[in-house]
Amino acid sequence: MKVAELKSVLGQQDIGKMNVLEFAKGAVINLQLKAGQSIGRHHTPSDAIVHVVSGRVRFGIGEETVELTRDVVLHMNPKEEHELEAVEDTSLLVIKIGDDTTCGKEKFLSRPKS
């Protein structure tokens, strides 16, 4: 059994990322964004489940955009291109399931969307 606690990782940053748990075929990441911050289009080679812990975020997947709020869960298929923008200060749990849990864009851009 593994137990982990989510902590604020933003501090002076606008986007924070914390590896919460890793297991044989997956990983859990806590992603935190201040309102107005965005992460450009990228993908992950694994299935990804996104759970909104707090806040509100817009996800662009393909040609569709959805707004997610607290306690909403989103599933993305492997290699599904997506981008996101925090409407409010937001904390997300990203659960990646598969052999390769890397991200197609490990360097997140930390700037407000114009």
PDB file of N, CA and C in Angstrom:
ATOM      1  N   MET A   1       0.842  -1.176   0.000  1.00  0.00           N
ATOM      2  CA  MET A   1       0.000   0.000   0.000  1.00  0.00           C
ATOM      3  C   MET A   1       0.885   1.236   0.000  1.00  0.00           C
ATOM      4  N   LYS A   2       0.429   2.256  -0.735  1.00  0.00           N
ATOM      5  CA  LYS A   2       1.105   3.551  -0.764  1.00  0.00           C
ATOM      6  C   LYS A   2       0.070   4.630  -0.469  1.00  0.00           C
ATOM      7  N   VAL A   3       0.449   5.582   0.348  1.00  0.00           N
ATOM      8  CA  VAL A   3      -0.423   6.707   0.677  1.00  0.00           C
ATOM      9  C   VAL A   3       0.351   7.981   0.395  1.00  0.00           C
ATOM     10  N   ALA A   4      -0.286   8.949  -0.223  1.00  0.00           N
ATOM     11  CA  ALA A   4       0.382  10.216  -0.536  1.00  0.00           C
ATOM     12  C   ALA A   4      -0.555  11.371  -0.220  1.00  0.00           C
ATOM     13  N   GLU A   5       0.039  12.483   0.147  1.00  0.00           N
ATOM     14  CA  GLU A   5      -0.727  13.687   0.460  1.00  0.00           C
ATOM     15  C   GLU A   5      -0.442  14.750  -0.593  1.00  0.00           C
ATOM     16  N   LEU A   6      -1.486  15.427  -1.054  1.00  0.00           N
ATOM     17  CA  LEU A   6      -1.308  16.511  -2.010  1.00  0.00           C
ATOM     18  C   LEU A   6      -0.943  17.778  -1.253  1.00  0.00           C
ATOM     19  N   LYS A   7       0.078  18.462  -1.724  1.00  0.00           N
ATOM     20  CA  LYS A   7       0.516  19.713  -1.111  1.00  0.00           C
ATOM     21  C   LYS A   7       0.594  20.776  -2.195  1.00  0.00           C
ATOM     22  N   SER A   8       0.500  22.018  -1.792  1.00  0.00           N
ATOM     23  CA  SER A   8       0.644  23.107  -2.756  1.00  0.00           C
ATOM     24  C   SER A   8       2.085  23.148  -3.240  1.00  0.00           C
ATOM     25  N   VAL A   9       2.264  23.143  -4.543  1.00  0.00           N
ATOM     26  CA  VAL A   9       3.609  23.211  -5.128  1.00  0.00           C
ATOM     27  C   VAL A   9       3.782  24.471  -5.970  1.00  0.00           C
ATOM     28  N   LEU A  10       2.807  25.365  -5.904  1.00  0.00           N
ATOM     29  CA  LEU A  10       2.889  26.568  -6.728  1.00  0.00           C
ATOM     30  C   LEU A  10       3.912  27.564  -6.197  1.00  0.00           C
ATOM     31  N   GLY A  11       3.791  27.966  -4.955  1.00  0.00           N
ATOM     32  CA  GLY A  11       4.721  28.955  -4.419  1.00  0.00           C
ATOM     33  C   GLY A  11       4.794  30.168  -5.320  1.00  0.00           C
ATOM     34  N   GLN A  12       5.978  30.480  -5.809  1.00  0.00           N
ATOM     35  CA  GLN A  12       6.171  31.617  -6.707  1.00  0.00           C
ATOM     36  C   GLN A  12       5.947  31.234  -8.169  1.00  0.00           C
ATOM     37  N   GLN A  13       5.715  29.946  -8.428  1.00  0.00           N
ATOM     38  CA  GLN A  13       5.499  29.483  -9.799  1.00  0.00           C
ATOM     39  C   GLN A  13       4.037  29.669 -10.197  1.00  0.00           C
ATOM     40  N   ASP A  14       3.791  29.691 -11.484  1.00  0.00           N
ATOM     41  CA  ASP A  14       2.428  29.768 -11.995  1.00  0.00           C
ATOM     42  C   ASP A  14       1.876  28.390 -12.328  1.00  0.00           C
ATOM     43  N   ILE A  15       2.779  27.434 -12.557  1.00  0.00           N
ATOM     44  CA  ILE A  15       2.399  26.049 -12.830  1.00  0.00           C
ATOM     45  C   ILE A  15       3.295  25.160 -11.982  1.00  0.00           C
ATOM     46  N   GLY A  16       2.684  24.240 -11.242  1.00  0.00           N
ATOM     47  CA  GLY A  16       3.454  23.322 -10.409  1.00  0.00           C
ATOM     48  C   GLY A  16       3.101  21.885 -10.735  1.00  0.00           C
ATOM     49  N   LYS A  17       4.083  21.002 -10.615  1.00  0.00           N
ATOM     50  CA  LYS A  17       3.880  19.589 -10.927  1.00  0.00           C
ATOM     51  C   LYS A  17       4.550  18.762  -9.841  1.00  0.00           C
ATOM     52  N   MET A  18       3.819  17.787  -9.303  1.00  0.00           N
ATOM     53  CA  MET A  18       4.361  16.925  -8.267  1.00  0.00           C
ATOM     54  C   MET A  18       4.035  15.477  -8.605  1.00  0.00           C
ATOM     55  N   ASN A  19       5.058  14.628  -8.638  1.00  0.00           N
ATOM     56  CA  ASN A  19       4.820  13.201  -8.812  1.00  0.00           C
ATOM     57  C   ASN A  19       4.286  12.668  -7.487  1.00  0.00           C
ATOM     58  N   VAL A  20       3.064  12.162  -7.498  1.00  0.00           N
ATOM     59  CA  VAL A  20       2.398  11.723  -6.277  1.00  0.00           C
ATOM     60  C   VAL A  20       2.710  10.263  -5.991  1.00  0.00           C
ATOM     61  N   LEU A  21       2.475   9.395  -6.971  1.00  0.00           N
ATOM     62  CA  LEU A  21       2.720   7.959  -6.832  1.00  0.00           C
ATOM     63  C   LEU A  21       3.183   7.385  -8.161  1.00  0.00           C
ATOM     64  N   GLU A  22       3.998   6.358  -8.085  1.00  0.00           N
ATOM     65  CA  GLU A  22       4.361   5.578  -9.271  1.00  0.00           C
ATOM     66  C   GLU A  22       4.110   4.119  -8.951  1.00  0.00           C
ATOM     67  N   PHE A  23       3.665   3.376  -9.956  1.00  0.00           N
ATOM     68  CA  PHE A  23       3.437   1.950  -9.780  1.00  0.00           C
ATOM     69  C   PHE A  23       3.805   1.245 -11.072  1.00  0.00           C
ATOM     70  N   ALA A  24       3.750  -0.082 -11.080  1.00  0.00           N
ATOM     71  CA  ALA A  24       4.276  -0.879 -12.193  1.00  0.00           C
ATOM     72  C   ALA A  24       3.812  -0.401 -13.563  1.00  0.00           C
ATOM     73  N   LYS A  25       2.566  -0.112 -13.722  1.00  0.00           N
ATOM     74  CA  LYS A  25       2.053   0.288 -15.040  1.00  0.00           C
ATOM     75  C   LYS A  25       1.321   1.613 -14.972  1.00  0.00           C
ATOM     76  N   GLY A  26       1.924   2.582 -14.267  1.00  0.00           N
ATOM     77  CA  GLY A  26       1.275   3.874 -14.221  1.00  0.00           C
ATOM     78  C   GLY A  26       1.903   4.851 -13.257  1.00  0.00           C
ATOM     79  N   ALA A  27       1.297   6.025 -13.201  1.00  0.00           N
ATOM     80  CA  ALA A  27       1.775   7.092 -12.328  1.00  0.00           C
ATOM     81  C   ALA A  27       0.623   8.041 -12.036  1.00  0.00           C
ATOM     82  N   VAL A  28       0.725   8.706 -10.883  1.00  0.00           N
ATOM     83  CA  VAL A  28      -0.249   9.723 -10.493  1.00  0.00           C
ATOM     84  C   VAL A  28       0.511  11.028 -10.305  1.00  0.00           C
ATOM     85  N   ILE A  29       0.059  12.069 -10.986  1.00  0.00           N
ATOM     86  CA  ILE A  29       0.727  13.372 -10.953  1.00  0.00           C
ATOM     87  C   ILE A  29      -0.281  14.414 -10.487  1.00  0.00           C
ATOM     88  N   ASN A  30       0.158  15.328  -9.633  1.00  0.00           N
ATOM     89  CA  ASN A  30      -0.675  16.460  -9.238  1.00  0.00           C
ATOM     90  C   ASN A  30      -0.177  17.668 -10.021  1.00  0.00           C
ATOM     91  N   LEU A  31      -1.044  18.239 -10.819  1.00  0.00           N
ATOM     92  CA  LEU A  31      -0.715  19.401 -11.635  1.00  0.00           C
ATOM     93  C   LEU A  31      -1.514  20.579 -11.102  1.00  0.00           C
ATOM     94  N   GLN A  32      -0.828  21.673 -10.783  1.00  0.00           N
ATOM     95  CA  GLN A  32      -1.483  22.857 -10.232  1.00  0.00           C
ATOM     96  C   GLN A  32      -1.184  24.055 -11.126  1.00  0.00           C
ATOM     97  N   LEU A  33      -2.227  24.815 -11.444  1.00  0.00           N
ATOM     98  CA  LEU A  33      -2.085  25.991 -12.301  1.00  0.00           C
ATOM     99  C   LEU A  33      -2.796  27.176 -11.675  1.00  0.00           C
ATOM    100  N   LYS A  34      -2.172  28.329 -11.736  1.00  0.00           N
ATOM    101  CA  LYS A  34      -2.836  29.558 -11.321  1.00  0.00           C
ATOM    102  C   LYS A  34      -3.779  29.987 -12.441  1.00  0.00           C
ATOM    103  N   ALA A  35      -4.825  30.712 -12.084  1.00  0.00           N
ATOM    104  CA  ALA A  35      -5.805  31.187 -13.066  1.00  0.00           C
ATOM    105  C   ALA A  35      -5.107  31.900 -14.217  1.00  0.00           C
ATOM    106  N   GLY A  36      -5.517  31.583 -15.443  1.00  0.00           N
ATOM    107  CA  GLY A  36      -4.958  32.215 -16.635  1.00  0.00           C
ATOM    108  C   GLY A  36      -3.768  31.486 -17.226  1.00  0.00           C
ATOM    109  N   GLN A  37      -3.200  30.531 -16.492  1.00  0.00           N
ATOM    110  CA  GLN A  37      -2.048  29.798 -17.008  1.00  0.00           C
ATOM    111  C   GLN A  37      -2.509  28.687 -17.939  1.00  0.00           C
ATOM    112  N   SER A  38      -1.679  28.368 -18.914  1.00  0.00           N
ATOM    113  CA  SER A  38      -2.048  27.343 -19.885  1.00  0.00           C
ATOM    114  C   SER A  38      -0.867  26.434 -20.175  1.00  0.00           C
ATOM    115  N   ILE A  39      -1.201  25.249 -20.646  1.00  0.00           N
ATOM    116  CA  ILE A  39      -0.212  24.280 -21.116  1.00  0.00           C
ATOM    117  C   ILE A  39      -0.600  23.969 -22.551  1.00  0.00           C
ATOM    118  N   GLY A  40       0.321  24.212 -23.462  1.00  0.00           N
ATOM    119  CA  GLY A  40       0.054  24.035 -24.887  1.00  0.00           C
ATOM    120  C   GLY A  40      -0.174  22.591 -25.289  1.00  0.00           C
ATOM    121  N   ARG A  41      -0.547  22.430 -26.528  1.00  0.00           N
ATOM    122  CA  ARG A  41      -0.900  21.126 -27.091  1.00  0.00           C
ATOM    123  C   ARG A  41       0.231  20.122 -26.904  1.00  0.00           C
ATOM    124  N   HIS A  42      -0.122  18.955 -26.382  1.00  0.00           N
ATOM    125  CA  HIS A  42       0.825  17.870 -26.148  1.00  0.00           C
ATOM    126  C   HIS A  42       0.034  16.564 -26.046  1.00  0.00           C
ATOM    127  N   HIS A  43       0.726  15.466 -25.801  1.00  0.00           N
ATOM    128  CA  HIS A  43       0.066  14.170 -25.642  1.00  0.00           C
ATOM    129  C   HIS A  43       0.883  13.303 -24.690  1.00  0.00           C
ATOM    130  N   THR A  44       0.280  12.218 -24.274  1.00  0.00           N
ATOM    131  CA  THR A  44       0.974  11.206 -23.489  1.00  0.00           C
ATOM    132  C   THR A  44       0.761   9.864 -24.186  1.00  0.00           C
ATOM    133  N   PRO A  45       1.749   8.968 -24.159  1.00  0.00           N
ATOM    134  CA  PRO A  45       1.592   7.689 -24.848  1.00  0.00           C
ATOM    135  C   PRO A  45       0.679   6.700 -24.114  1.00  0.00           C
ATOM    136  N   SER A  46       0.206   7.070 -22.930  1.00  0.00           N
ATOM    137  CA  SER A  46      -0.626   6.162 -22.139  1.00  0.00           C
ATOM    138  C   SER A  46      -2.056   6.693 -22.024  1.00  0.00           C
ATOM    139  N   ASP A  47      -2.955   5.834 -21.550  1.00  0.00           N
ATOM    140  CA  ASP A  47      -4.278   6.316 -21.163  1.00  0.00           C
ATOM    141  C   ASP A  47      -4.084   7.315 -20.038  1.00  0.00           C
ATOM    142  N   ALA A  48      -4.914   8.347 -19.982  1.00  0.00           N
ATOM    143  CA  ALA A  48      -4.818   9.338 -18.910  1.00  0.00           C
ATOM    144  C   ALA A  48      -6.213   9.651 -18.385  1.00  0.00           C
ATOM    145  N   ILE A  49      -6.323   9.654 -17.073  1.00  0.00           N
ATOM    146  CA  ILE A  49      -7.557  10.046 -16.404  1.00  0.00           C
ATOM    147  C   ILE A  49      -7.241  11.314 -15.630  1.00  0.00           C
ATOM    148  N   VAL A  50      -8.039  12.345 -15.833  1.00  0.00           N
ATOM    149  CA  VAL A  50      -7.832  13.627 -15.158  1.00  0.00           C
ATOM    150  C   VAL A  50      -8.988  13.845 -14.189  1.00  0.00           C
ATOM    151  N   HIS A  51      -8.655  14.095 -12.930  1.00  0.00           N
ATOM    152  CA  HIS A  51      -9.655  14.387 -11.896  1.00  0.00           C
ATOM    153  C   HIS A  51      -9.397  15.799 -11.386  1.00  0.00           C
ATOM    154  N   VAL A  52     -10.417  16.642 -11.435  1.00  0.00           N
ATOM    155  CA  VAL A  52     -10.285  18.012 -10.946  1.00  0.00           C
ATOM    156  C   VAL A  52     -10.495  17.993  -9.431  1.00  0.00           C
ATOM    157  N   VAL A  53      -9.419  18.272  -8.685  1.00  0.00           N
ATOM    158  CA  VAL A  53      -9.486  18.314  -7.228  1.00  0.00           C
ATOM    159  C   VAL A  53     -10.126  19.624  -6.785  1.00  0.00           C
ATOM    160  N   SER A  54      -9.710  20.716  -7.416  1.00  0.00           N
ATOM    161  CA  SER A  54     -10.281  22.029  -7.108  1.00  0.00           C
ATOM    162  C   SER A  54     -10.094  22.948  -8.305  1.00  0.00           C
ATOM    163  N   GLY A  55     -10.949  23.960  -8.390  1.00  0.00           N
ATOM    164  CA  GLY A  55     -10.827  24.946  -9.458  1.00  0.00           C
ATOM    165  C   GLY A  55     -11.655  24.615 -10.677  1.00  0.00           C
ATOM    166  N   ARG A  56     -11.271  25.268 -11.783  1.00  0.00           N
ATOM    167  CA  ARG A  56     -11.979  25.129 -13.053  1.00  0.00           C
ATOM    168  C   ARG A  56     -10.956  25.251 -14.161  1.00  0.00           C
ATOM    169  N   VAL A  57     -11.025  24.350 -15.149  1.00  0.00           N
ATOM    170  CA  VAL A  57     -10.035  24.303 -16.221  1.00  0.00           C
ATOM    171  C   VAL A  57     -10.725  23.976 -17.543  1.00  0.00           C
ATOM    172  N   ARG A  58     -10.227  24.577 -18.633  1.00  0.00           N
ATOM    173  CA  ARG A  58     -10.713  24.265 -19.987  1.00  0.00           C
ATOM    174  C   ARG A  58      -9.725  23.309 -20.643  1.00  0.00           C
ATOM    175  N   PHE A  59     -10.248  22.202 -21.153  1.00  0.00           N
ATOM    176  CA  PHE A  59      -9.443  21.229 -21.887  1.00  0.00           C
ATOM    177  C   PHE A  59      -9.829  21.299 -23.350  1.00  0.00           C
ATOM    178  N   GLY A  60      -8.849  21.447 -24.216  1.00  0.00           N
ATOM    179  CA  GLY A  60      -9.072  21.359 -25.648  1.00  0.00           C
ATOM    180  C   GLY A  60      -8.542  20.017 -26.110  1.00  0.00           C
ATOM    181  N   ILE A  61      -9.430  19.199 -26.673  1.00  0.00           N
ATOM    182  CA  ILE A  61      -9.046  17.872 -27.152  1.00  0.00           C
ATOM    183  C   ILE A  61      -9.528  17.778 -28.589  1.00  0.00           C
ATOM    184  N   GLY A  62      -8.563  17.680 -29.510  1.00  0.00           N
ATOM    185  CA  GLY A  62      -8.933  17.714 -30.919  1.00  0.00           C
ATOM    186  C   GLY A  62      -9.590  19.041 -31.226  1.00  0.00           C
ATOM    187  N   GLU A  63     -10.787  19.014 -31.785  1.00  0.00           N
ATOM    188  CA  GLU A  63     -11.527  20.234 -32.110  1.00  0.00           C
ATOM    189  C   GLU A  63     -12.526  20.605 -31.019  1.00  0.00           C
ATOM    190  N   GLU A  64     -12.600  19.803 -29.964  1.00  0.00           N
ATOM    191  CA  GLU A  64     -13.592  20.016 -28.907  1.00  0.00           C
ATOM    192  C   GLU A  64     -12.956  20.655 -27.675  1.00  0.00           C
ATOM    193  N   THR A  65     -13.692  21.549 -27.026  1.00  0.00           N
ATOM    194  CA  THR A  65     -13.255  22.154 -25.770  1.00  0.00           C
ATOM    195  C   THR A  65     -14.311  21.872 -24.713  1.00  0.00           C
ATOM    196  N   VAL A  66     -13.853  21.415 -23.544  1.00  0.00           N
ATOM    197  CA  VAL A  66     -14.760  21.157 -22.427  1.00  0.00           C
ATOM    198  C   VAL A  66     -14.238  21.887 -21.199  1.00  0.00           C
ATOM    199  N   GLU A  67     -15.156  22.336 -20.364  1.00  0.00           N
ATOM    200  CA  GLU A  67     -14.762  22.985 -19.117  1.00  0.00           C
ATOM    201  C   GLU A  67     -15.030  22.009 -17.985  1.00  0.00           C
ATOM    202  N   LEU A  68     -14.001  21.755 -17.201  1.00  0.00           N
ATOM    203  CA  LEU A  68     -14.096  20.803 -16.105  1.00  0.00           C
ATOM    204  C   LEU A  68     -14.074  21.537 -14.776  1.00  0.00           C
ATOM    205  N   THR A  69     -14.870  21.061 -13.838  1.00  0.00           N
ATOM    206  CA  THR A  69     -14.923  21.646 -12.500  1.00  0.00           C
ATOM    207  C   THR A  69     -14.655  20.560 -11.459  1.00  0.00           C
ATOM    208  N   ARG A  70     -14.633  20.978 -10.218  1.00  0.00           N
ATOM    209  CA  ARG A  70     -14.317  20.082  -9.105  1.00  0.00           C
ATOM    210  C   ARG A  70     -15.097  18.769  -9.181  1.00  0.00           C
ATOM    211  N   ASP A  71     -14.387  17.691  -8.938  1.00  0.00           N
ATOM    212  CA  ASP A  71     -14.915  16.329  -8.891  1.00  0.00           C
ATOM    213  C   ASP A  71     -15.391  15.793 -10.236  1.00  0.00           C
ATOM    214  N   VAL A  72     -15.003  16.438 -11.325  1.00  0.00           N
ATOM    215  CA  VAL A  72     -15.288  15.917 -12.662  1.00  0.00           C
ATOM    216  C   VAL A  72     -14.079  15.103 -13.115  1.00  0.00           C
ATOM    217  N   VAL A  73     -14.342  14.016 -13.836  1.00  0.00           N
ATOM    218  CA  VAL A  73     -13.289  13.126 -14.310  1.00  0.00           C
ATOM    219  C   VAL A  73     -13.334  13.068 -15.833  1.00  0.00           C
ATOM    220  N   LEU A  74     -12.152  13.101 -16.454  1.00  0.00           N
ATOM    221  CA  LEU A  74     -12.013  13.054 -17.914  1.00  0.00           C
ATOM    222  C   LEU A  74     -11.062  11.923 -18.274  1.00  0.00           C
ATOM    223  N   HIS A  75     -11.383  11.147 -19.310  1.00  0.00           N
ATOM    224  CA  HIS A  75     -10.473  10.109 -19.811  1.00  0.00           C
ATOM    225  C   HIS A  75      -9.970  10.516 -21.186  1.00  0.00           C
ATOM    226  N   MET A  76      -8.660  10.330 -21.407  1.00  0.00           N
ATOM    227  CA  MET A  76      -8.071  10.561 -22.729  1.00  0.00           C
ATOM    228  C   MET A  76      -7.363   9.289 -23.175  1.00  0.00           C
ATOM    229  N   ASN A  77      -7.520   8.970 -24.444  1.00  0.00           N
ATOM    230  CA  ASN A  77      -6.847   7.818 -25.027  1.00  0.00           C
ATOM    231  C   ASN A  77      -5.368   8.109 -25.235  1.00  0.00           C
ATOM    232  N   PRO A  78      -4.552   7.067 -25.375  1.00  0.00           N
ATOM    233  CA  PRO A  78      -3.132   7.290 -25.666  1.00  0.00           C
ATOM    234  C   PRO A  78      -2.956   8.152 -26.918  1.00  0.00           C
ATOM    235  N   LYS A  79      -1.993   9.044 -26.865  1.00  0.00           N
ATOM    236  CA  LYS A  79      -1.601   9.924 -27.973  1.00  0.00           C
ATOM    237  C   LYS A  79      -2.681  10.929 -28.377  1.00  0.00           C
ATOM    238  N   GLU A  80      -3.696  11.107 -27.553  1.00  0.00           N
ATOM    239  CA  GLU A  80      -4.737  12.087 -27.852  1.00  0.00           C
ATOM    240  C   GLU A  80      -4.192  13.487 -27.541  1.00  0.00           C
ATOM    241  N   GLU A  81      -4.091  14.318 -28.572  1.00  0.00           N
ATOM    242  CA  GLU A  81      -3.554  15.673 -28.410  1.00  0.00           C
ATOM    243  C   GLU A  81      -4.512  16.513 -27.571  1.00  0.00           C
ATOM    244  N   HIS A  82      -3.955  17.256 -26.618  1.00  0.00           N
ATOM    245  CA  HIS A  82      -4.786  18.091 -25.759  1.00  0.00           C
ATOM    246  C   HIS A  82      -4.003  19.295 -25.251  1.00  0.00           C
ATOM    247  N   GLU A  83      -4.747  20.297 -24.804  1.00  0.00           N
ATOM    248  CA  GLU A  83      -4.171  21.497 -24.199  1.00  0.00           C
ATOM    249  C   GLU A  83      -5.126  21.938 -23.105  1.00  0.00           C
ATOM    250  N   LEU A  84      -4.646  22.773 -22.188  1.00  0.00           N
ATOM    251  CA  LEU A  84      -5.512  23.202 -21.109  1.00  0.00           C
ATOM    252  C   LEU A  84      -5.195  24.603 -20.644  1.00  0.00           C
ATOM    253  N   GLU A  85      -6.215  25.243 -20.062  1.00  0.00           N
ATOM    254  CA  GLU A  85      -6.071  26.583 -19.502  1.00  0.00           C
ATOM    255  C   GLU A  85      -6.878  26.655 -18.212  1.00  0.00           C
ATOM    256  N   ALA A  86      -6.248  27.130 -17.143  1.00  0.00           N
ATOM    257  CA  ALA A  86      -6.932  27.276 -15.859  1.00  0.00           C
ATOM    258  C   ALA A  86      -7.813  28.518 -15.882  1.00  0.00           C
ATOM    259  N   VAL A  87      -9.106  28.337 -15.636  1.00  0.00           N
ATOM    260  CA  VAL A  87     -10.045  29.449 -15.542  1.00  0.00           C
ATOM    261  C   VAL A  87      -9.944  30.054 -14.138  1.00  0.00           C
ATOM    262  N   GLU A  88      -9.735  29.190 -13.151  1.00  0.00           N
ATOM    263  CA  GLU A  88      -9.495  29.571 -11.760  1.00  0.00           C
ATOM    264  C   GLU A  88      -8.223  28.854 -11.318  1.00  0.00           C
ATOM    265  N   ASP A  89      -7.667  29.220 -10.159  1.00  0.00           N
ATOM    266  CA  ASP A  89      -6.579  28.418  -9.605  1.00  0.00           C
ATOM    267  C   ASP A  89      -7.081  26.982  -9.548  1.00  0.00           C
ATOM    268  N   THR A  90      -6.287  26.051 -10.068  1.00  0.00           N
ATOM    269  CA  THR A  90      -6.755  24.684 -10.281  1.00  0.00           C
ATOM    270  C   THR A  90      -5.732  23.661  -9.822  1.00  0.00           C
ATOM    271  N   SER A  91      -6.237  22.571  -9.257  1.00  0.00           N
ATOM    272  CA  SER A  91      -5.417  21.418  -8.896  1.00  0.00           C
ATOM    273  C   SER A  91      -6.020  20.191  -9.571  1.00  0.00           C
ATOM    274  N   LEU A  92      -5.203  19.464 -10.329  1.00  0.00           N
ATOM    275  CA  LEU A  92      -5.646  18.277 -11.059  1.00  0.00           C
ATOM    276  C   LEU A  92      -4.851  17.062 -10.613  1.00  0.00           C
ATOM    277  N   LEU A  93      -5.497  15.914 -10.572  1.00  0.00           N
ATOM    278  CA  LEU A  93      -4.795  14.643 -10.456  1.00  0.00           C
ATOM    279  C   LEU A  93      -4.819  14.025 -11.841  1.00  0.00           C
ATOM    280  N   VAL A  94      -3.657  13.705 -12.363  1.00  0.00           N
ATOM    281  CA  VAL A  94      -3.539  13.054 -13.662  1.00  0.00           C
ATOM    282  C   VAL A  94      -3.056  11.638 -13.397  1.00  0.00           C
ATOM    283  N   ILE A  95      -3.877  10.658 -13.759  1.00  0.00           N
ATOM    284  CA  ILE A  95      -3.546   9.256 -13.544  1.00  0.00           C
ATOM    285  C   ILE A  95      -3.226   8.665 -14.905  1.00  0.00           C
ATOM    286  N   LYS A  96      -1.963   8.296 -15.088  1.00  0.00           N
ATOM    287  CA  LYS A  96      -1.522   7.725 -16.359  1.00  0.00           C
ATOM    288  C   LYS A  96      -1.392   6.220 -16.186  1.00  0.00           C
ATOM    289  N   ILE A  97      -2.006   5.471 -17.111  1.00  0.00           N
ATOM    290  CA  ILE A  97      -2.018   4.023 -17.013  1.00  0.00           C
ATOM    291  C   ILE A  97      -1.402   3.440 -18.273  1.00  0.00           C
ATOM    292  N   GLY A  98      -0.320   2.689 -18.108  1.00  0.00           N
ATOM    293  CA  GLY A  98       0.368   2.074 -19.229  1.00  0.00           C
ATOM    294  C   GLY A  98       1.845   1.921 -18.933  1.00  0.00           C
ATOM    295  N   ASP A  99       2.562   1.313 -19.861  1.00  0.00           N
ATOM    296  CA  ASP A  99       3.996   1.083 -19.684  1.00  0.00           C
ATOM    297  C   ASP A  99       4.803   2.369 -19.756  1.00  0.00           C
ATOM    298  N   ASP A 100       4.385   3.306 -20.592  1.00  0.00           N
ATOM    299  CA  ASP A 100       5.125   4.557 -20.784  1.00  0.00           C
ATOM    300  C   ASP A 100       4.259   5.713 -20.303  1.00  0.00           C
ATOM    301  N   THR A 101       4.643   6.322 -19.185  1.00  0.00           N
ATOM    302  CA  THR A 101       3.837   7.406 -18.619  1.00  0.00           C
ATOM    303  C   THR A 101       4.496   8.767 -18.806  1.00  0.00           C
ATOM    304  N   THR A 102       5.406   8.854 -19.770  1.00  0.00           N
ATOM    305  CA  THR A 102       6.023  10.146 -20.056  1.00  0.00           C
ATOM    306  C   THR A 102       5.000  11.052 -20.728  1.00  0.00           C
ATOM    307  N   CYS A 103       5.389  12.277 -20.909  1.00  0.00           N
ATOM    308  CA  CYS A 103       4.515  13.265 -21.530  1.00  0.00           C
ATOM    309  C   CYS A 103       5.167  13.742 -22.810  1.00  0.00           C
ATOM    310  N   GLY A 104       4.369  13.996 -23.835  1.00  0.00           N
ATOM    311  CA  GLY A 104       4.901  14.495 -25.091  1.00  0.00           C
ATOM    312  C   GLY A 104       5.412  15.915 -24.992  1.00  0.00           C
ATOM    313  N   LYS A 105       5.227  16.558 -23.850  1.00  0.00           N
ATOM    314  CA  LYS A 105       5.686  17.935 -23.663  1.00  0.00           C
ATOM    315  C   LYS A 105       6.065  18.113 -22.197  1.00  0.00           C
ATOM    316  N   GLU A 106       7.215  17.608 -21.804  1.00  0.00           N
ATOM    317  CA  GLU A 106       7.629  17.666 -20.401  1.00  0.00           C
ATOM    318  C   GLU A 106       7.928  19.086 -19.939  1.00  0.00           C
ATOM    319  N   LYS A 107       8.276  19.970 -20.854  1.00  0.00           N
ATOM    320  CA  LYS A 107       8.556  21.357 -20.469  1.00  0.00           C
ATOM    321  C   LYS A 107       7.284  22.173 -20.649  1.00  0.00           C
ATOM    322  N   PHE A 108       6.613  22.446 -19.555  1.00  0.00           N
ATOM    323  CA  PHE A 108       5.375  23.210 -19.610  1.00  0.00           C
ATOM    324  C   PHE A 108       5.678  24.694 -19.726  1.00  0.00           C
ATOM    325  N   LEU A 109       4.903  25.380 -20.526  1.00  0.00           N
ATOM    326  CA  LEU A 109       5.033  26.826 -20.650  1.00  0.00           C
ATOM    327  C   LEU A 109       4.213  27.479 -19.558  1.00  0.00           C
ATOM    328  N   SER A 110       4.791  28.422 -18.895  1.00  0.00           N
ATOM    329  CA  SER A 110       4.137  29.078 -17.766  1.00  0.00           C
ATOM    330  C   SER A 110       3.853  30.534 -18.096  1.00  0.00           C
ATOM    331  N   ARG A 111       2.884  30.756 -18.951  1.00  0.00           N
ATOM    332  CA  ARG A 111       2.547  32.143 -19.276  1.00  0.00           C
ATOM    333  C   ARG A 111       1.051  32.268 -19.489  1.00  0.00           C
ATOM    334  N   PRO A 112       0.520  33.409 -19.143  1.00  0.00           N
ATOM    335  CA  PRO A 112      -0.919  33.617 -19.326  1.00  0.00           C
ATOM    336  C   PRO A 112      -1.294  33.581 -20.798  1.00  0.00           C
ATOM    337  N   LYS A 113      -2.470  33.083 -21.064  1.00  0.00           N
ATOM    338  CA  LYS A 113      -2.986  33.073 -22.428  1.00  0.00           C
ATOM    339  C   LYS A 113      -3.488  34.470 -22.749  1.00  0.00           C
ATOM    340  N   SER A 114      -3.144  34.991 -23.916  1.00  0.00           N
ATOM    341  CA  SER A 114      -3.553  36.359 -24.291  1.00  0.00           C
ATOM    342  C   SER A 114      -4.983  36.388 -24.756  1.00  0.00           C
TER     343      SER A 114
END
